C-alpha atoms as a PDB file:
ATOM      1  CA  UNK A   1     -11.734 -11.685  -6.393  1.00  0.00           C
ATOM      2  CA  UNK A   2     -14.759  -9.431  -6.010  1.00  0.00           C
ATOM      3  CA  UNK A   3     -15.905  -8.191  -9.422  1.00  0.00           C
ATOM      4  CA  UNK A   4     -15.389  -4.503  -8.793  1.00  0.00           C
ATOM      5  CA  UNK A   5     -12.157  -4.528  -6.775  1.00  0.00           C
ATOM      6  CA  UNK A   6      -9.675  -2.334  -8.614  1.00  0.00           C
ATOM      7  CA  UNK A   7      -6.719  -3.564  -6.538  1.00  0.00           C
ATOM      8  CA  UNK A   8      -7.548  -7.206  -7.336  1.00  0.00           C
ATOM      9  CA  UNK A   9      -7.672  -6.268 -11.016  1.00  0.00           C
ATOM     10  CA  UNK A  10      -4.276  -4.561 -10.774  1.00  0.00           C
ATOM     11  CA  UNK A  11      -2.828  -7.598  -8.986  1.00  0.00           C
ATOM     12  CA  UNK A  12      -4.231  -9.867 -11.721  1.00  0.00           C
ATOM     13  CA  UNK A  13      -2.761  -7.682 -14.469  1.00  0.00           C
ATOM     14  CA  UNK A  14      -6.194  -6.691 -15.795  1.00  0.00           C
ATOM     15  CA  UNK A  15      -5.563  -2.992 -15.125  1.00  0.00           C
ATOM     16  CA  UNK A  16      -2.232  -1.312 -15.809  1.00  0.00           C
ATOM     17  CA  UNK A  17      -0.382   0.338 -12.963  1.00  0.00           C
ATOM     18  CA  UNK A  18       3.101   1.646 -12.282  1.00  0.00           C
ATOM     19  CA  UNK A  19       4.326  -1.471 -10.472  1.00  0.00           C
ATOM     20  CA  UNK A  20       7.109  -0.710  -7.997  1.00  0.00           C
ATOM     21  CA  UNK A  21       7.425  -4.144  -6.368  1.00  0.00           C
ATOM     22  CA  UNK A  22       5.785  -7.552  -6.573  1.00  0.00           C
ATOM     23  CA  UNK A  23       6.190 -11.063  -5.275  1.00  0.00           C
ATOM     24  CA  UNK A  24       3.850 -14.012  -4.734  1.00  0.00           C
ATOM     25  CA  UNK A  25       1.963 -12.333  -1.881  1.00  0.00           C
ATOM     26  CA  UNK A  26       2.360  -8.573  -2.310  1.00  0.00           C
ATOM     27  CA  UNK A  27       2.082  -6.035  -5.099  1.00  0.00           C
ATOM     28  CA  UNK A  28       3.053  -2.373  -4.753  1.00  0.00           C
ATOM     29  CA  UNK A  29       2.294   0.400  -7.198  1.00  0.00           C
ATOM     30  CA  UNK A  30       2.279   4.185  -7.430  1.00  0.00           C
ATOM     31  CA  UNK A  31      -0.852   5.883  -6.103  1.00  0.00           C
ATOM     32  CA  UNK A  32      -2.604   7.738  -8.935  1.00  0.00           C
ATOM     33  CA  UNK A  33      -3.662  10.391  -6.395  1.00  0.00           C
ATOM     34  CA  UNK A  34      -0.202  10.926  -4.909  1.00  0.00           C
ATOM     35  CA  UNK A  35       0.019  12.963  -1.715  1.00  0.00           C
ATOM     36  CA  UNK A  36       3.839  13.068  -1.682  1.00  0.00           C
ATOM     37  CA  UNK A  37       6.659  12.805  -4.224  1.00  0.00           C
ATOM     38  CA  UNK A  38       6.799   9.109  -3.332  1.00  0.00           C
ATOM     39  CA  UNK A  39       3.369   7.581  -2.697  1.00  0.00           C
ATOM     40  CA  UNK A  40       3.242   3.830  -3.116  1.00  0.00           C
ATOM     41  CA  UNK A  41       0.379   1.506  -2.206  1.00  0.00           C
ATOM     42  CA  UNK A  42       1.546  -1.810  -0.746  1.00  0.00           C
ATOM     43  CA  UNK A  43      -1.246  -4.338  -1.225  1.00  0.00           C
ATOM     44  CA  UNK A  44      -1.706  -8.042  -0.494  1.00  0.00           C
ATOM     45  CA  UNK A  45      -2.642  -9.969  -3.629  1.00  0.00           C
ATOM     46  CA  UNK A  46      -5.299 -11.833  -1.632  1.00  0.00           C
ATOM     47  CA  UNK A  47      -8.509  -9.843  -1.313  1.00  0.00           C
ATOM     48  CA  UNK A  48      -8.775  -8.771   2.322  1.00  0.00           C
ATOM     49  CA  UNK A  49     -11.072  -5.827   2.915  1.00  0.00           C
ATOM     50  CA  UNK A  50      -9.776  -4.332   6.159  1.00  0.00           C
ATOM     51  CA  UNK A  51      -6.863  -4.611   8.531  1.00  0.00           C
ATOM     52  CA  UNK A  52      -9.044  -6.319  11.124  1.00  0.00           C
ATOM     53  CA  UNK A  53      -9.884  -9.073   8.605  1.00  0.00           C
ATOM     54  CA  UNK A  54      -6.270 -10.325   8.424  1.00  0.00           C
ATOM     55  CA  UNK A  55      -6.166 -13.921   9.645  1.00  0.00           C
ATOM     56  CA  UNK A  56      -2.482 -14.731   9.083  1.00  0.00           C
ATOM     57  CA  UNK A  57      -0.377 -12.260  11.049  1.00  0.00           C
ATOM     58  CA  UNK A  58       2.643 -13.194   8.930  1.00  0.00           C
ATOM     59  CA  UNK A  59       1.027 -11.085   6.182  1.00  0.00           C
ATOM     60  CA  UNK A  60       2.017  -7.949   8.101  1.00  0.00           C
ATOM     61  CA  UNK A  61       5.649  -9.083   8.056  1.00  0.00           C
ATOM     62  CA  UNK A  62       5.461  -9.609   4.297  1.00  0.00           C
ATOM     63  CA  UNK A  63       3.934  -6.166   3.790  1.00  0.00           C
ATOM     64  CA  UNK A  64       6.573  -4.444   5.907  1.00  0.00           C
ATOM     65  CA  UNK A  65       9.406  -6.398   4.259  1.00  0.00           C
ATOM     66  CA  UNK A  66       8.135  -5.243   0.855  1.00  0.00           C
ATOM     67  CA  UNK A  67       7.877  -1.676   2.195  1.00  0.00           C
ATOM     68  CA  UNK A  68      11.474  -1.858   3.435  1.00  0.00           C
ATOM     69  CA  UNK A  69      12.654  -2.872  -0.043  1.00  0.00           C
ATOM     70  CA  UNK A  70      10.721   0.016  -1.603  1.00  0.00           C
ATOM     71  CA  UNK A  71      12.141   2.475   0.942  1.00  0.00           C
ATOM     72  CA  UNK A  72      15.665   1.458  -0.080  1.00  0.00           C
ATOM     73  CA  UNK A  73      14.782   1.454  -3.801  1.00  0.00           C
ATOM     74  CA  UNK A  74      13.400   4.992  -3.522  1.00  0.00           C
ATOM     75  CA  UNK A  75      16.250   6.240  -1.290  1.00  0.00           C
ATOM     76  CA  UNK A  76      13.991   7.173   1.621  1.00  0.00           C
ATOM     77  CA  UNK A  77      15.940   5.447   4.392  1.00  0.00           C
ATOM     78  CA  UNK A  78      18.001   8.525   5.386  1.00  0.00           C
ATOM     79  CA  UNK A  79      15.366  11.283   5.331  1.00  0.00           C
ATOM     80  CA  UNK A  80      12.442   9.174   6.506  1.00  0.00           C
ATOM     81  CA  UNK A  81       8.996   8.153   5.375  1.00  0.00           C
ATOM     82  CA  UNK A  82       5.517   7.412   6.655  1.00  0.00           C
ATOM     83  CA  UNK A  83       3.430   4.241   6.415  1.00  0.00           C
ATOM     84  CA  UNK A  84      -0.325   4.628   6.889  1.00  0.00           C
ATOM     85  CA  UNK A  85      -3.166   2.119   6.836  1.00  0.00           C
ATOM     86  CA  UNK A  86      -6.762   3.342   6.849  1.00  0.00           C
ATOM     87  CA  UNK A  87      -9.594   1.056   7.900  1.00  0.00           C
ATOM     88  CA  UNK A  88     -13.258   1.771   7.268  1.00  0.00           C
ATOM     89  CA  UNK A  89     -14.929   4.900   5.926  1.00  0.00           C
ATOM     90  CA  UNK A  90     -14.327   7.024   9.041  1.00  0.00           C
ATOM     91  CA  UNK A  91     -10.707   5.889   8.966  1.00  0.00           C
ATOM     92  CA  UNK A  92     -10.342   7.215   5.430  1.00  0.00           C
ATOM     93  CA  UNK A  93     -10.353   3.896   3.531  1.00  0.00           C
ATOM     94  CA  UNK A  94     -11.438   4.629  -0.042  1.00  0.00           C
ATOM     95  CA  UNK A  95     -10.927   1.166  -1.599  1.00  0.00           C
ATOM     96  CA  UNK A  96     -12.267  -1.920   0.212  1.00  0.00           C
ATOM     97  CA  UNK A  97      -9.035  -3.876  -0.189  1.00  0.00           C
ATOM     98  CA  UNK A  98      -6.390  -3.691   2.532  1.00  0.00           C
ATOM     99  CA  UNK A  99      -3.548  -1.396   1.489  1.00  0.00           C
ATOM    100  CA  UNK A 100      -0.706   0.450   3.130  1.00  0.00           C
ATOM    101  CA  UNK A 101       0.344   3.912   1.951  1.00  0.00           C
ATOM    102  CA  UNK A 102       4.102   4.454   1.888  1.00  0.00           C
ATOM    103  CA  UNK A 103       4.801   8.180   1.616  1.00  0.00           C
ATOM    104  CA  UNK A 104       8.087  10.039   1.403  1.00  0.00           C
ATOM    105  CA  UNK A 105      10.116  12.672  -0.343  1.00  0.00           C
ATOM    106  CA  UNK A 106       8.743  15.615   1.647  1.00  0.00           C
ATOM    107  CA  UNK A 107       8.354  16.728   5.252  1.00  0.00           C
ATOM    108  CA  UNK A 108       5.344  15.014   6.838  1.00  0.00           C
ATOM    109  CA  UNK A 109       3.192  17.025   9.247  1.00  0.00           C
ATOM    110  CA  UNK A 110       1.178  15.952  12.277  1.00  0.00           C
ATOM    111  CA  UNK A 111      -1.673  15.531  12.782  1.00  0.00           C
ATOM    112  CA  UNK A 112      -2.288  14.185   9.284  1.00  0.00           C
ATOM    113  CA  UNK A 113      -5.930  15.335   9.102  1.00  0.00           C
END
């Protein structure tokens, strides 16, 4: 775990967060800068900086399976939701730990900005 990685610290229980889901590989928690009524970050426990650094493609399946459980838990399956992953500064990545934004509870617009 890199010393300054806030998501690693959340996964290790060193920083409190509103945990929505967790298992051995994934942790999901409410985004403190929510952009929608439901805004959950789905994060691998292993420190991986960017999407292109993923070595085991099965990780994506684990992330999306966790997201599917959260969608059902939050009741988003009927109205819809959005899943976004940003990679790199120009892609909008603010924390250098791979994370997927699951957003719902309002009408999403396009383009996102």
